[in-house]
Amino acid sequence: MIVQHAGIRIALLVCCLTLGPAACIAASQPTINSDPTDDTELSGDGTELDEVKHEWAQTVEALKAYTAVQRDAAVARAKQTLDAMDTRLEQLESRTQQEWDSLSQSARETREATLRTIRMQRNEAAEWYGGMKHGSAEAWESVKQGFIASYGTLNDAFGTAWSEFTEQETETQ
């Protein structure tokens, strides 16, 4: 009986020691603006893309630090990251709709293909996110790395799209 209580106390102590740093890591990370009501448009001056790259680098570093015990914090960070990308994807789609009449047929086809690719890659990242939420502790590192890699691909696709859209914008002006 005494051994059982000691084991429970040790487990609680380990959890407290482990979760304490997780809270510090999560609190020290800047938040990503994922407010879908934010009217910030994608600018053509490079700041938006630089911001996306900076946020991605911060997210990767934060996610790498999370252990299976810190799953809830990692899942919250991954959700925040996906939500921010969803907002940016909506901005790209809105921008395409607004500029549709001024785009050439080639630019329209390129944008549609690019947006389709981003949506597919976003769905893949969402599948890894689901694995992070529901996967076993034993699969944690694999699922976490899968999400990081998948979201990295999505982030690269967004960067490419942003560049293409900016390039097409200057061609139509």
N, C-alpha and C. Protein backbone atom coordinates (compact mmCIF):
# COMPACT_ATOMS: atom_id res chain seq x y z
N MET A 1 0.82 -1.19 0.00
CA MET A 1 0.00 0.00 0.00
C MET A 1 0.87 1.26 0.00
N ILE A 2 1.89 1.27 0.84
CA ILE A 2 2.77 2.42 0.90
C ILE A 2 3.51 2.60 -0.43
N VAL A 3 3.90 1.48 -1.02
CA VAL A 3 4.60 1.54 -2.30
C VAL A 3 3.69 2.12 -3.38
N GLN A 4 2.39 1.72 -3.36
CA GLN A 4 1.45 2.27 -4.34
C GLN A 4 1.34 3.78 -4.20
N HIS A 5 1.21 4.28 -2.96
CA HIS A 5 1.09 5.72 -2.75
C HIS A 5 2.36 6.43 -3.16
N ALA A 6 3.51 5.83 -2.89
CA ALA A 6 4.78 6.43 -3.30
C ALA A 6 4.85 6.50 -4.82
N GLY A 7 4.39 5.44 -5.49
CA GLY A 7 4.39 5.43 -6.96
C GLY A 7 3.50 6.51 -7.52
N ILE A 8 2.34 6.69 -6.92
CA ILE A 8 1.41 7.73 -7.36
C ILE A 8 2.03 9.11 -7.14
N ARG A 9 2.64 9.29 -5.98
CA ARG A 9 3.28 10.58 -5.68
C ARG A 9 4.41 10.88 -6.67
N ILE A 10 5.19 9.86 -6.95
CA ILE A 10 6.28 10.06 -7.90
C ILE A 10 5.72 10.40 -9.27
N ALA A 11 4.67 9.70 -9.69
CA ALA A 11 4.05 9.98 -10.99
C ALA A 11 3.51 11.41 -11.03
N LEU A 12 2.87 11.84 -9.95
CA LEU A 12 2.35 13.21 -9.90
C LEU A 12 3.48 14.23 -9.93
N LEU A 13 4.55 13.93 -9.21
CA LEU A 13 5.69 14.83 -9.20
C LEU A 13 6.31 14.93 -10.60
N VAL A 14 6.45 13.81 -11.26
CA VAL A 14 7.00 13.81 -12.62
C VAL A 14 6.09 14.62 -13.54
N CYS A 15 4.78 14.42 -13.42
CA CYS A 15 3.85 15.19 -14.26
C CYS A 15 3.97 16.68 -13.99
N CYS A 16 4.04 17.06 -12.73
CA CYS A 16 4.15 18.48 -12.39
C CYS A 16 5.45 19.07 -12.93
N LEU A 17 6.53 18.33 -12.77
CA LEU A 17 7.81 18.82 -13.26
C LEU A 17 7.83 18.91 -14.78
N THR A 18 7.15 17.97 -15.42
CA THR A 18 7.13 17.95 -16.87
C THR A 18 6.19 19.01 -17.42
N LEU A 19 5.03 19.15 -16.85
CA LEU A 19 4.05 20.11 -17.37
C LEU A 19 4.41 21.55 -17.04
N GLY A 20 5.16 21.75 -15.99
CA GLY A 20 5.60 23.10 -15.66
C GLY A 20 6.35 23.74 -16.81
N PRO A 21 7.39 23.07 -17.34
CA PRO A 21 8.09 23.64 -18.50
C PRO A 21 7.20 23.80 -19.72
N ALA A 22 6.25 22.89 -19.89
CA ALA A 22 5.35 22.99 -21.05
C ALA A 22 4.56 24.28 -20.98
N ALA A 23 4.09 24.60 -19.80
CA ALA A 23 3.33 25.84 -19.65
C ALA A 23 4.22 27.05 -19.94
N CYS A 24 5.48 26.97 -19.50
CA CYS A 24 6.41 28.07 -19.76
C CYS A 24 6.70 28.19 -21.25
N ILE A 25 6.90 27.06 -21.92
CA ILE A 25 7.17 27.09 -23.36
C ILE A 25 5.99 27.69 -24.08
N ALA A 26 4.79 27.22 -23.76
CA ALA A 26 3.59 27.71 -24.44
C ALA A 26 3.39 29.20 -24.17
N ALA A 27 3.62 29.61 -22.94
CA ALA A 27 3.42 31.01 -22.59
C ALA A 27 4.45 31.92 -23.23
N SER A 28 5.65 31.40 -23.47
CA SER A 28 6.70 32.24 -24.04
C SER A 28 6.58 32.40 -25.54
N GLN A 29 5.77 31.58 -26.19
CA GLN A 29 5.63 31.66 -27.64
C GLN A 29 4.63 32.75 -28.01
N PRO A 30 4.98 33.60 -28.96
CA PRO A 30 4.03 34.62 -29.38
C PRO A 30 2.83 33.97 -30.05
N THR A 31 1.71 34.59 -29.91
CA THR A 31 0.52 34.03 -30.52
C THR A 31 0.46 34.39 -31.98
N ILE A 32 -0.19 33.54 -32.73
CA ILE A 32 -0.38 33.78 -34.15
C ILE A 32 -1.78 34.32 -34.32
N ASN A 33 -1.91 35.41 -35.03
CA ASN A 33 -3.22 36.00 -35.24
C ASN A 33 -4.02 35.12 -36.17
N SER A 34 -4.99 34.42 -35.61
CA SER A 34 -5.82 33.54 -36.43
C SER A 34 -7.27 34.00 -36.39
N ASP A 35 -7.47 35.26 -36.13
CA ASP A 35 -8.81 35.81 -36.06
C ASP A 35 -9.38 35.93 -37.46
N PRO A 36 -10.40 35.10 -37.79
CA PRO A 36 -10.94 35.15 -39.15
C PRO A 36 -11.64 36.46 -39.47
N THR A 37 -11.93 37.29 -38.48
CA THR A 37 -12.55 38.59 -38.74
C THR A 37 -11.52 39.66 -39.04
N ASP A 38 -10.24 39.31 -38.93
CA ASP A 38 -9.17 40.26 -39.22
C ASP A 38 -9.20 40.59 -40.71
N ASP A 39 -9.25 41.88 -41.02
CA ASP A 39 -9.35 42.32 -42.41
C ASP A 39 -7.99 42.51 -43.07
N THR A 40 -6.92 42.14 -42.40
CA THR A 40 -5.59 42.32 -42.97
C THR A 40 -5.49 41.57 -44.29
N GLU A 41 -5.18 42.29 -45.32
CA GLU A 41 -5.02 41.68 -46.64
C GLU A 41 -3.57 41.32 -46.87
N LEU A 42 -3.35 40.43 -47.78
CA LEU A 42 -1.99 40.07 -48.15
C LEU A 42 -1.39 41.22 -48.93
N SER A 43 -0.29 41.74 -48.43
CA SER A 43 0.35 42.86 -49.11
C SER A 43 1.37 42.34 -50.10
N GLY A 44 1.75 43.15 -51.02
CA GLY A 44 2.71 42.75 -52.03
C GLY A 44 4.13 43.14 -51.69
N ASP A 45 4.40 43.60 -50.46
CA ASP A 45 5.72 44.10 -50.15
C ASP A 45 6.63 43.08 -49.46
N GLY A 46 6.18 41.84 -49.29
CA GLY A 46 7.02 40.82 -48.69
C GLY A 46 6.82 40.65 -47.20
N THR A 47 6.20 41.60 -46.54
CA THR A 47 6.02 41.49 -45.09
C THR A 47 5.14 40.31 -44.71
N GLU A 48 4.09 40.07 -45.43
CA GLU A 48 3.19 38.95 -45.13
C GLU A 48 3.94 37.64 -45.22
N LEU A 49 4.70 37.46 -46.26
CA LEU A 49 5.45 36.22 -46.45
C LEU A 49 6.53 36.08 -45.37
N ASP A 50 7.19 37.17 -45.04
CA ASP A 50 8.20 37.14 -43.97
C ASP A 50 7.55 36.78 -42.64
N GLU A 51 6.37 37.31 -42.40
CA GLU A 51 5.63 37.01 -41.17
C GLU A 51 5.27 35.53 -41.11
N VAL A 52 4.82 34.98 -42.22
CA VAL A 52 4.46 33.56 -42.28
C VAL A 52 5.69 32.70 -41.99
N LYS A 53 6.81 33.04 -42.61
CA LYS A 53 8.04 32.27 -42.39
C LYS A 53 8.49 32.35 -40.93
N HIS A 54 8.39 33.54 -40.36
CA HIS A 54 8.78 33.73 -38.96
C HIS A 54 7.88 32.92 -38.02
N GLU A 55 6.58 32.99 -38.24
CA GLU A 55 5.63 32.24 -37.42
C GLU A 55 5.88 30.74 -37.55
N TRP A 56 6.16 30.31 -38.78
CA TRP A 56 6.40 28.88 -39.00
C TRP A 56 7.64 28.42 -38.23
N ALA A 57 8.71 29.20 -38.27
CA ALA A 57 9.94 28.85 -37.57
C ALA A 57 9.69 28.76 -36.06
N GLN A 58 8.94 29.69 -35.53
CA GLN A 58 8.61 29.67 -34.10
C GLN A 58 7.78 28.43 -33.75
N THR A 59 6.82 28.12 -34.59
CA THR A 59 5.96 26.97 -34.34
C THR A 59 6.76 25.68 -34.37
N VAL A 60 7.64 25.52 -35.34
CA VAL A 60 8.46 24.31 -35.43
C VAL A 60 9.30 24.14 -34.17
N GLU A 61 9.95 25.22 -33.75
CA GLU A 61 10.77 25.13 -32.54
C GLU A 61 9.93 24.76 -31.32
N ALA A 62 8.75 25.34 -31.21
CA ALA A 62 7.88 25.02 -30.08
C ALA A 62 7.42 23.56 -30.14
N LEU A 63 6.99 23.11 -31.32
CA LEU A 63 6.50 21.74 -31.45
C LEU A 63 7.60 20.72 -31.20
N LYS A 64 8.80 21.00 -31.62
CA LYS A 64 9.91 20.06 -31.39
C LYS A 64 10.13 19.84 -29.90
N ALA A 65 9.87 20.86 -29.11
CA ALA A 65 10.12 20.77 -27.67
C ALA A 65 9.05 19.99 -26.92
N TYR A 66 7.89 19.81 -27.50
CA TYR A 66 6.81 19.14 -26.80
C TYR A 66 7.02 17.63 -26.76
N THR A 67 6.71 17.05 -25.62
CA THR A 67 6.76 15.60 -25.45
C THR A 67 5.34 15.07 -25.46
N ALA A 68 5.20 13.75 -25.42
CA ALA A 68 3.86 13.15 -25.40
C ALA A 68 3.07 13.61 -24.19
N VAL A 69 3.75 13.85 -23.09
CA VAL A 69 3.08 14.31 -21.87
C VAL A 69 2.51 15.71 -22.08
N GLN A 70 3.12 16.47 -22.98
CA GLN A 70 2.70 17.84 -23.25
C GLN A 70 1.79 17.93 -24.47
N ARG A 71 1.14 16.83 -24.80
CA ARG A 71 0.32 16.74 -26.00
C ARG A 71 -0.71 17.86 -26.12
N ASP A 72 -1.42 18.17 -25.05
CA ASP A 72 -2.47 19.19 -25.13
C ASP A 72 -1.93 20.55 -25.58
N ALA A 73 -0.77 20.93 -25.05
CA ALA A 73 -0.17 22.20 -25.44
C ALA A 73 0.28 22.16 -26.90
N ALA A 74 0.85 21.03 -27.32
CA ALA A 74 1.29 20.88 -28.71
C ALA A 74 0.11 20.90 -29.66
N VAL A 75 -0.96 20.23 -29.29
CA VAL A 75 -2.16 20.19 -30.13
C VAL A 75 -2.76 21.59 -30.25
N ALA A 76 -2.78 22.33 -29.15
CA ALA A 76 -3.31 23.70 -29.19
C ALA A 76 -2.45 24.57 -30.11
N ARG A 77 -1.14 24.40 -30.04
CA ARG A 77 -0.24 25.18 -30.90
C ARG A 77 -0.45 24.80 -32.37
N ALA A 78 -0.58 23.51 -32.64
CA ALA A 78 -0.79 23.05 -34.01
C ALA A 78 -2.12 23.58 -34.55
N LYS A 79 -3.16 23.58 -33.72
CA LYS A 79 -4.47 24.09 -34.15
C LYS A 79 -4.38 25.58 -34.46
N GLN A 80 -3.69 26.30 -33.61
CA GLN A 80 -3.51 27.75 -33.82
C GLN A 80 -2.81 27.98 -35.15
N THR A 81 -1.82 27.18 -35.45
CA THR A 81 -1.06 27.31 -36.69
C THR A 81 -1.94 27.00 -37.90
N LEU A 82 -2.72 25.92 -37.82
CA LEU A 82 -3.63 25.57 -38.91
C LEU A 82 -4.69 26.66 -39.11
N ASP A 83 -5.21 27.19 -38.03
CA ASP A 83 -6.22 28.25 -38.13
C ASP A 83 -5.65 29.48 -38.82
N ALA A 84 -4.41 29.83 -38.48
CA ALA A 84 -3.76 30.98 -39.13
C ALA A 84 -3.59 30.73 -40.62
N MET A 85 -3.21 29.51 -40.98
CA MET A 85 -3.05 29.19 -42.39
C MET A 85 -4.41 29.20 -43.09
N ASP A 86 -5.45 28.74 -42.43
CA ASP A 86 -6.79 28.79 -43.01
C ASP A 86 -7.19 30.23 -43.32
N THR A 87 -6.87 31.13 -42.41
CA THR A 87 -7.18 32.54 -42.62
C THR A 87 -6.44 33.07 -43.84
N ARG A 88 -5.17 32.71 -43.95
CA ARG A 88 -4.39 33.16 -45.11
C ARG A 88 -4.90 32.55 -46.41
N LEU A 89 -5.30 31.31 -46.35
CA LEU A 89 -5.86 30.66 -47.54
C LEU A 89 -7.16 31.35 -47.96
N GLU A 90 -8.00 31.70 -46.99
CA GLU A 90 -9.22 32.44 -47.30
C GLU A 90 -8.89 33.79 -47.93
N GLN A 91 -7.82 34.44 -47.47
CA GLN A 91 -7.42 35.71 -48.05
C GLN A 91 -6.97 35.54 -49.50
N LEU A 92 -6.22 34.48 -49.77
CA LEU A 92 -5.79 34.22 -51.15
C LEU A 92 -7.00 33.95 -52.04
N GLU A 93 -7.95 33.17 -51.53
CA GLU A 93 -9.16 32.87 -52.32
C GLU A 93 -9.97 34.13 -52.56
N SER A 94 -10.12 34.96 -51.55
CA SER A 94 -10.86 36.22 -51.68
C SER A 94 -10.16 37.15 -52.68
N ARG A 95 -8.85 37.22 -52.57
CA ARG A 95 -8.07 38.05 -53.49
C ARG A 95 -8.26 37.57 -54.93
N THR A 96 -8.29 36.26 -55.12
CA THR A 96 -8.48 35.71 -56.47
C THR A 96 -9.86 36.09 -57.00
N GLN A 97 -10.88 35.99 -56.16
CA GLN A 97 -12.23 36.37 -56.59
C GLN A 97 -12.29 37.85 -56.97
N GLN A 98 -11.66 38.69 -56.17
CA GLN A 98 -11.69 40.13 -56.44
C GLN A 98 -10.96 40.50 -57.73
N GLU A 99 -9.89 39.77 -58.03
CA GLU A 99 -9.06 40.09 -59.19
C GLU A 99 -9.41 39.26 -60.43
N TRP A 100 -10.39 38.39 -60.31
CA TRP A 100 -10.70 37.42 -61.36
C TRP A 100 -10.84 38.05 -62.74
N ASP A 101 -11.62 39.13 -62.85
CA ASP A 101 -11.87 39.75 -64.16
C ASP A 101 -10.61 40.35 -64.79
N SER A 102 -9.66 40.75 -63.97
CA SER A 102 -8.45 41.37 -64.52
C SER A 102 -7.34 40.35 -64.80
N LEU A 103 -7.56 39.08 -64.45
CA LEU A 103 -6.54 38.06 -64.67
C LEU A 103 -6.67 37.44 -66.06
N SER A 104 -5.54 37.08 -66.62
CA SER A 104 -5.56 36.36 -67.90
C SER A 104 -6.05 34.93 -67.64
N GLN A 105 -6.42 34.25 -68.70
CA GLN A 105 -6.87 32.86 -68.57
C GLN A 105 -5.77 32.00 -67.95
N SER A 106 -4.56 32.23 -68.36
CA SER A 106 -3.42 31.49 -67.82
C SER A 106 -3.26 31.74 -66.32
N ALA A 107 -3.37 32.99 -65.90
CA ALA A 107 -3.24 33.34 -64.49
C ALA A 107 -4.38 32.72 -63.68
N ARG A 108 -5.57 32.69 -64.25
CA ARG A 108 -6.72 32.07 -63.57
C ARG A 108 -6.46 30.59 -63.33
N GLU A 109 -5.98 29.92 -64.38
CA GLU A 109 -5.72 28.48 -64.27
C GLU A 109 -4.61 28.21 -63.26
N THR A 110 -3.59 29.04 -63.28
CA THR A 110 -2.48 28.88 -62.33
C THR A 110 -2.97 29.06 -60.90
N ARG A 111 -3.76 30.11 -60.68
CA ARG A 111 -4.28 30.34 -59.33
C ARG A 111 -5.18 29.21 -58.86
N GLU A 112 -6.05 28.74 -59.73
CA GLU A 112 -6.94 27.64 -59.33
C GLU A 112 -6.13 26.40 -58.98
N ALA A 113 -5.13 26.09 -59.78
CA ALA A 113 -4.29 24.91 -59.50
C ALA A 113 -3.51 25.10 -58.20
N THR A 114 -2.99 26.29 -57.99
CA THR A 114 -2.23 26.58 -56.78
C THR A 114 -3.12 26.46 -55.55
N LEU A 115 -4.30 27.05 -55.60
CA LEU A 115 -5.22 26.97 -54.47
C LEU A 115 -5.65 25.53 -54.20
N ARG A 116 -5.86 24.77 -55.26
CA ARG A 116 -6.24 23.36 -55.11
C ARG A 116 -5.11 22.59 -54.40
N THR A 117 -3.87 22.86 -54.79
CA THR A 117 -2.71 22.22 -54.17
C THR A 117 -2.61 22.59 -52.70
N ILE A 118 -2.79 23.86 -52.41
CA ILE A 118 -2.71 24.30 -51.00
C ILE A 118 -3.80 23.62 -50.18
N ARG A 119 -5.02 23.54 -50.72
CA ARG A 119 -6.11 22.88 -49.97
C ARG A 119 -5.77 21.41 -49.70
N MET A 120 -5.21 20.72 -50.71
CA MET A 120 -4.85 19.31 -50.52
C MET A 120 -3.77 19.18 -49.44
N GLN A 121 -2.78 20.05 -49.48
CA GLN A 121 -1.71 19.99 -48.48
C GLN A 121 -2.22 20.39 -47.10
N ARG A 122 -3.17 21.29 -47.07
CA ARG A 122 -3.78 21.68 -45.79
C ARG A 122 -4.53 20.49 -45.20
N ASN A 123 -5.23 19.74 -46.04
CA ASN A 123 -5.95 18.56 -45.57
C ASN A 123 -4.99 17.50 -45.04
N GLU A 124 -3.84 17.35 -45.69
CA GLU A 124 -2.85 16.39 -45.21
C GLU A 124 -2.32 16.81 -43.84
N ALA A 125 -2.05 18.10 -43.67
CA ALA A 125 -1.59 18.60 -42.37
C ALA A 125 -2.67 18.37 -41.31
N ALA A 126 -3.93 18.54 -41.70
CA ALA A 126 -5.04 18.31 -40.76
C ALA A 126 -5.11 16.84 -40.34
N GLU A 127 -4.78 15.93 -41.25
CA GLU A 127 -4.76 14.51 -40.89
C GLU A 127 -3.68 14.24 -39.85
N TRP A 128 -2.50 14.83 -40.03
CA TRP A 128 -1.43 14.67 -39.03
C TRP A 128 -1.84 15.32 -37.71
N TYR A 129 -2.54 16.45 -37.80
CA TYR A 129 -3.05 17.11 -36.59
C TYR A 129 -3.97 16.16 -35.84
N GLY A 130 -4.85 15.48 -36.57
CA GLY A 130 -5.74 14.49 -35.95
C GLY A 130 -4.94 13.38 -35.28
N GLY A 131 -3.84 12.97 -35.92
CA GLY A 131 -2.97 11.97 -35.32
C GLY A 131 -2.35 12.48 -34.03
N MET A 132 -2.01 13.77 -34.00
CA MET A 132 -1.45 14.35 -32.78
C MET A 132 -2.48 14.32 -31.66
N LYS A 133 -3.73 14.61 -32.02
CA LYS A 133 -4.79 14.64 -31.01
C LYS A 133 -5.13 13.26 -30.48
N HIS A 134 -5.15 12.27 -31.37
CA HIS A 134 -5.70 10.97 -31.01
C HIS A 134 -4.70 9.82 -31.01
N GLY A 135 -3.47 10.08 -31.42
CA GLY A 135 -2.48 9.03 -31.50
C GLY A 135 -2.00 8.59 -30.12
N SER A 136 -1.38 7.44 -30.09
CA SER A 136 -0.86 6.91 -28.83
C SER A 136 0.42 7.65 -28.43
N ALA A 137 0.77 7.52 -27.18
CA ALA A 137 2.01 8.13 -26.68
C ALA A 137 3.22 7.53 -27.40
N GLU A 138 3.14 6.25 -27.74
CA GLU A 138 4.25 5.59 -28.42
C GLU A 138 4.46 6.16 -29.82
N ALA A 139 3.39 6.62 -30.45
CA ALA A 139 3.48 7.15 -31.81
C ALA A 139 3.72 8.66 -31.83
N TRP A 140 3.83 9.28 -30.67
CA TRP A 140 3.89 10.73 -30.56
C TRP A 140 4.97 11.35 -31.44
N GLU A 141 6.21 10.92 -31.31
CA GLU A 141 7.30 11.53 -32.06
C GLU A 141 7.08 11.43 -33.56
N SER A 142 6.61 10.27 -34.00
CA SER A 142 6.36 10.06 -35.42
C SER A 142 5.25 10.97 -35.93
N VAL A 143 4.18 11.06 -35.18
CA VAL A 143 3.04 11.89 -35.58
C VAL A 143 3.42 13.37 -35.54
N LYS A 144 4.14 13.76 -34.51
CA LYS A 144 4.58 15.15 -34.39
C LYS A 144 5.48 15.53 -35.57
N GLN A 145 6.43 14.67 -35.91
CA GLN A 145 7.32 14.94 -37.04
C GLN A 145 6.54 14.95 -38.35
N GLY A 146 5.54 14.07 -38.46
CA GLY A 146 4.69 14.06 -39.65
C GLY A 146 3.94 15.37 -39.82
N PHE A 147 3.41 15.90 -38.71
CA PHE A 147 2.72 17.18 -38.78
C PHE A 147 3.68 18.28 -39.17
N ILE A 148 4.87 18.31 -38.55
CA ILE A 148 5.84 19.35 -38.85
C ILE A 148 6.22 19.31 -40.33
N ALA A 149 6.48 18.12 -40.85
CA ALA A 149 6.86 17.99 -42.27
C ALA A 149 5.71 18.39 -43.19
N SER A 150 4.52 17.93 -42.86
CA SER A 150 3.35 18.23 -43.68
C SER A 150 3.05 19.72 -43.67
N TYR A 151 3.11 20.32 -42.51
CA TYR A 151 2.84 21.75 -42.43
C TYR A 151 3.95 22.55 -43.11
N GLY A 152 5.18 22.03 -43.07
CA GLY A 152 6.27 22.69 -43.78
C GLY A 152 6.00 22.73 -45.28
N THR A 153 5.49 21.62 -45.81
CA THR A 153 5.13 21.57 -47.23
C THR A 153 4.01 22.56 -47.53
N LEU A 154 3.02 22.62 -46.65
CA LEU A 154 1.92 23.57 -46.80
C LEU A 154 2.45 25.00 -46.75
N ASN A 155 3.34 25.27 -45.83
CA ASN A 155 3.91 26.61 -45.70
C ASN A 155 4.69 26.99 -46.96
N ASP A 156 5.45 26.04 -47.50
CA ASP A 156 6.18 26.31 -48.75
C ASP A 156 5.21 26.59 -49.89
N ALA A 157 4.14 25.83 -49.96
CA ALA A 157 3.14 26.05 -51.02
C ALA A 157 2.50 27.42 -50.88
N PHE A 158 2.24 27.82 -49.65
CA PHE A 158 1.69 29.16 -49.43
C PHE A 158 2.67 30.22 -49.92
N GLY A 159 3.95 30.04 -49.60
CA GLY A 159 4.97 31.00 -50.05
C GLY A 159 5.03 31.09 -51.56
N THR A 160 4.95 29.95 -52.22
CA THR A 160 4.95 29.92 -53.68
C THR A 160 3.72 30.63 -54.23
N ALA A 161 2.57 30.33 -53.64
CA ALA A 161 1.32 30.97 -54.08
C ALA A 161 1.40 32.47 -53.88
N TRP A 162 1.86 32.88 -52.74
CA TRP A 162 1.96 34.30 -52.46
C TRP A 162 2.83 34.99 -53.51
N SER A 163 3.97 34.37 -53.82
CA SER A 163 4.87 34.93 -54.83
C SER A 163 4.19 34.98 -56.20
N GLU A 164 3.52 33.89 -56.58
CA GLU A 164 2.82 33.85 -57.87
C GLU A 164 1.74 34.91 -57.94
N PHE A 165 0.97 35.03 -56.87
CA PHE A 165 -0.13 35.99 -56.88
C PHE A 165 0.40 37.41 -56.97
N THR A 166 1.50 37.69 -56.28
CA THR A 166 2.11 39.02 -56.32
C THR A 166 2.66 39.30 -57.71
N GLU A 167 3.29 38.29 -58.30
CA GLU A 167 3.83 38.41 -59.65
C GLU A 167 2.70 38.68 -60.66
N GLN A 168 1.61 37.95 -60.54
CA GLN A 168 0.48 38.13 -61.45
C GLN A 168 -0.16 39.48 -61.26
N GLU A 169 -0.15 39.96 -60.02
CA GLU A 169 -0.73 41.28 -59.73
C GLU A 169 0.05 42.36 -60.46
N THR A 170 1.38 42.26 -60.47
CA THR A 170 2.17 43.29 -61.14
C THR A 170 2.01 43.19 -62.66
N GLU A 171 1.74 41.99 -63.17
CA GLU A 171 1.52 41.82 -64.60
C GLU A 171 0.21 42.47 -65.05
N THR A 172 -0.81 42.47 -64.20
CA THR A 172 -2.11 43.02 -64.58
C THR A 172 -2.18 44.52 -64.41
N GLN A 173 -1.19 45.11 -63.74
CA GLN A 173 -1.22 46.56 -63.49
C GLN A 173 -0.55 47.32 -64.60
